[in-house]
Amino acid sequence: MPAPSSAPAPIYDQLVDEQGDVLADVRSAAQETERTAEDVLDFARPAPGEHVR
């Protein structure tokens, strides 16, 4: 199987110009979701409004 090419991808570049960089948007949304999940699932910290004993 040949290695991925690092040559320019004019079709991709044209789509990014027309539609925006969907892959970057998805990556950003996934990272934000991951941060939110980490905050929600962090059992070491008390929940907002919960008193530490």
N, C-alpha and C. Protein backbone atom coordinates (compact mmCIF):
# COMPACT_ATOMS: atom_id res chain seq x y z
N MET A 1 0.86 -1.18 0.00
CA MET A 1 0.00 0.00 0.00
C MET A 1 0.90 1.23 0.00
N PRO A 2 0.71 2.16 -0.91
CA PRO A 2 1.57 3.34 -0.97
C PRO A 2 1.31 4.29 0.20
N ALA A 3 2.35 5.03 0.54
CA ALA A 3 2.24 6.02 1.62
C ALA A 3 1.35 7.17 1.17
N PRO A 4 0.67 7.81 2.13
CA PRO A 4 -0.17 8.96 1.77
C PRO A 4 0.66 10.05 1.09
N SER A 5 0.09 10.67 0.12
CA SER A 5 0.77 11.72 -0.62
C SER A 5 0.69 13.05 0.12
N SER A 6 1.76 13.82 0.08
CA SER A 6 1.74 15.15 0.69
C SER A 6 1.54 16.22 -0.38
N ALA A 7 1.17 15.78 -1.59
CA ALA A 7 0.93 16.71 -2.68
C ALA A 7 -0.31 17.55 -2.39
N PRO A 8 -0.37 18.76 -2.94
CA PRO A 8 -1.56 19.60 -2.74
C PRO A 8 -2.82 18.90 -3.22
N ALA A 9 -3.92 19.21 -2.56
CA ALA A 9 -5.21 18.61 -2.92
C ALA A 9 -6.14 19.73 -3.36
N PRO A 10 -6.09 20.12 -4.65
CA PRO A 10 -6.89 21.26 -5.09
C PRO A 10 -8.39 21.08 -4.90
N ILE A 11 -8.87 19.84 -5.01
CA ILE A 11 -10.31 19.62 -4.80
C ILE A 11 -10.66 19.91 -3.35
N TYR A 12 -9.86 19.41 -2.43
CA TYR A 12 -10.10 19.66 -1.01
C TYR A 12 -10.02 21.15 -0.71
N ASP A 13 -9.00 21.81 -1.24
CA ASP A 13 -8.84 23.25 -1.02
C ASP A 13 -10.05 24.03 -1.53
N GLN A 14 -10.58 23.63 -2.67
CA GLN A 14 -11.76 24.30 -3.23
C GLN A 14 -12.97 24.08 -2.33
N LEU A 15 -13.14 22.85 -1.83
CA LEU A 15 -14.26 22.57 -0.93
C LEU A 15 -14.15 23.37 0.36
N VAL A 16 -12.94 23.50 0.90
CA VAL A 16 -12.73 24.30 2.11
C VAL A 16 -13.10 25.74 1.83
N ASP A 17 -12.71 26.25 0.68
CA ASP A 17 -13.06 27.63 0.32
C ASP A 17 -14.57 27.81 0.23
N GLU A 18 -15.26 26.82 -0.32
CA GLU A 18 -16.71 26.93 -0.52
C GLU A 18 -17.51 26.63 0.74
N GLN A 19 -17.13 25.60 1.46
CA GLN A 19 -17.95 25.08 2.57
C GLN A 19 -17.36 25.35 3.95
N GLY A 20 -16.14 25.80 4.02
CA GLY A 20 -15.47 25.94 5.31
C GLY A 20 -14.72 24.66 5.62
N ASP A 21 -13.86 24.71 6.62
CA ASP A 21 -13.05 23.55 6.98
C ASP A 21 -13.82 22.68 7.97
N VAL A 22 -14.64 21.79 7.43
CA VAL A 22 -15.52 20.94 8.23
C VAL A 22 -14.70 20.06 9.17
N LEU A 23 -13.59 19.53 8.70
CA LEU A 23 -12.78 18.66 9.55
C LEU A 23 -12.25 19.42 10.77
N ALA A 24 -11.82 20.65 10.58
CA ALA A 24 -11.34 21.46 11.71
C ALA A 24 -12.49 21.77 12.66
N ASP A 25 -13.68 22.04 12.13
CA ASP A 25 -14.85 22.31 12.96
C ASP A 25 -15.22 21.09 13.79
N VAL A 26 -15.20 19.92 13.17
CA VAL A 26 -15.53 18.68 13.88
C VAL A 26 -14.49 18.39 14.94
N ARG A 27 -13.22 18.58 14.61
CA ARG A 27 -12.14 18.36 15.58
C ARG A 27 -12.32 19.27 16.79
N SER A 28 -12.64 20.53 16.56
CA SER A 28 -12.85 21.48 17.64
C SER A 28 -14.04 21.09 18.50
N ALA A 29 -15.14 20.68 17.88
CA ALA A 29 -16.33 20.26 18.62
C ALA A 29 -16.02 19.02 19.46
N ALA A 30 -15.25 18.09 18.91
CA ALA A 30 -14.90 16.87 19.64
C ALA A 30 -14.04 17.20 20.85
N GLN A 31 -13.09 18.12 20.69
CA GLN A 31 -12.24 18.52 21.81
C GLN A 31 -13.06 19.20 22.91
N GLU A 32 -13.99 20.05 22.53
CA GLU A 32 -14.85 20.72 23.51
C GLU A 32 -15.73 19.70 24.24
N THR A 33 -16.25 18.73 23.51
CA THR A 33 -17.07 17.68 24.12
C THR A 33 -16.23 16.86 25.09
N GLU A 34 -15.01 16.57 24.71
CA GLU A 34 -14.12 15.82 25.59
C GLU A 34 -13.83 16.59 26.88
N ARG A 35 -13.57 17.90 26.76
CA ARG A 35 -13.33 18.72 27.96
C ARG A 35 -14.56 18.74 28.86
N THR A 36 -15.73 18.88 28.27
CA THR A 36 -16.96 18.90 29.04
C THR A 36 -17.17 17.56 29.74
N ALA A 37 -16.96 16.46 29.04
CA ALA A 37 -17.12 15.14 29.63
C ALA A 37 -16.14 14.94 30.78
N GLU A 38 -14.91 15.39 30.61
CA GLU A 38 -13.92 15.27 31.68
C GLU A 38 -14.37 16.04 32.92
N ASP A 39 -14.92 17.23 32.72
CA ASP A 39 -15.40 18.02 33.85
C ASP A 39 -16.57 17.34 34.54
N VAL A 40 -17.51 16.84 33.76
CA VAL A 40 -18.71 16.20 34.31
C VAL A 40 -18.36 14.90 35.02
N LEU A 41 -17.42 14.16 34.49
CA LEU A 41 -17.09 12.84 35.03
C LEU A 41 -15.93 12.87 36.02
N ASP A 42 -15.50 14.05 36.45
CA ASP A 42 -14.40 14.17 37.41
C ASP A 42 -14.98 13.97 38.81
N PHE A 43 -14.89 12.74 39.32
CA PHE A 43 -15.47 12.42 40.62
C PHE A 43 -14.58 12.88 41.78
N ALA A 44 -13.38 13.36 41.50
CA ALA A 44 -12.49 13.82 42.56
C ALA A 44 -12.92 15.19 43.09
N ARG A 45 -13.58 15.97 42.26
CA ARG A 45 -14.02 17.31 42.67
C ARG A 45 -15.47 17.24 43.13
N PRO A 46 -15.80 18.07 44.13
CA PRO A 46 -17.21 18.13 44.52
C PRO A 46 -18.05 18.79 43.43
N ALA A 47 -19.29 18.39 43.34
CA ALA A 47 -20.21 18.97 42.36
C ALA A 47 -20.49 20.42 42.76
N PRO A 48 -20.84 21.28 41.79
CA PRO A 48 -21.18 22.65 42.13
C PRO A 48 -22.30 22.68 43.18
N GLY A 49 -22.08 23.46 44.25
CA GLY A 49 -23.07 23.56 45.31
C GLY A 49 -22.92 22.50 46.38
N GLU A 50 -22.07 21.53 46.16
CA GLU A 50 -21.85 20.44 47.13
C GLU A 50 -20.78 20.89 48.12
N HIS A 51 -21.00 20.62 49.38
CA HIS A 51 -20.04 21.01 50.41
C HIS A 51 -19.02 19.89 50.62
N VAL A 52 -17.78 20.29 50.80
CA VAL A 52 -16.72 19.33 51.07
C VAL A 52 -16.70 19.07 52.57
N ARG A 53 -16.65 17.82 52.96
CA ARG A 53 -16.64 17.46 54.39
C ARG A 53 -15.26 17.13 54.85
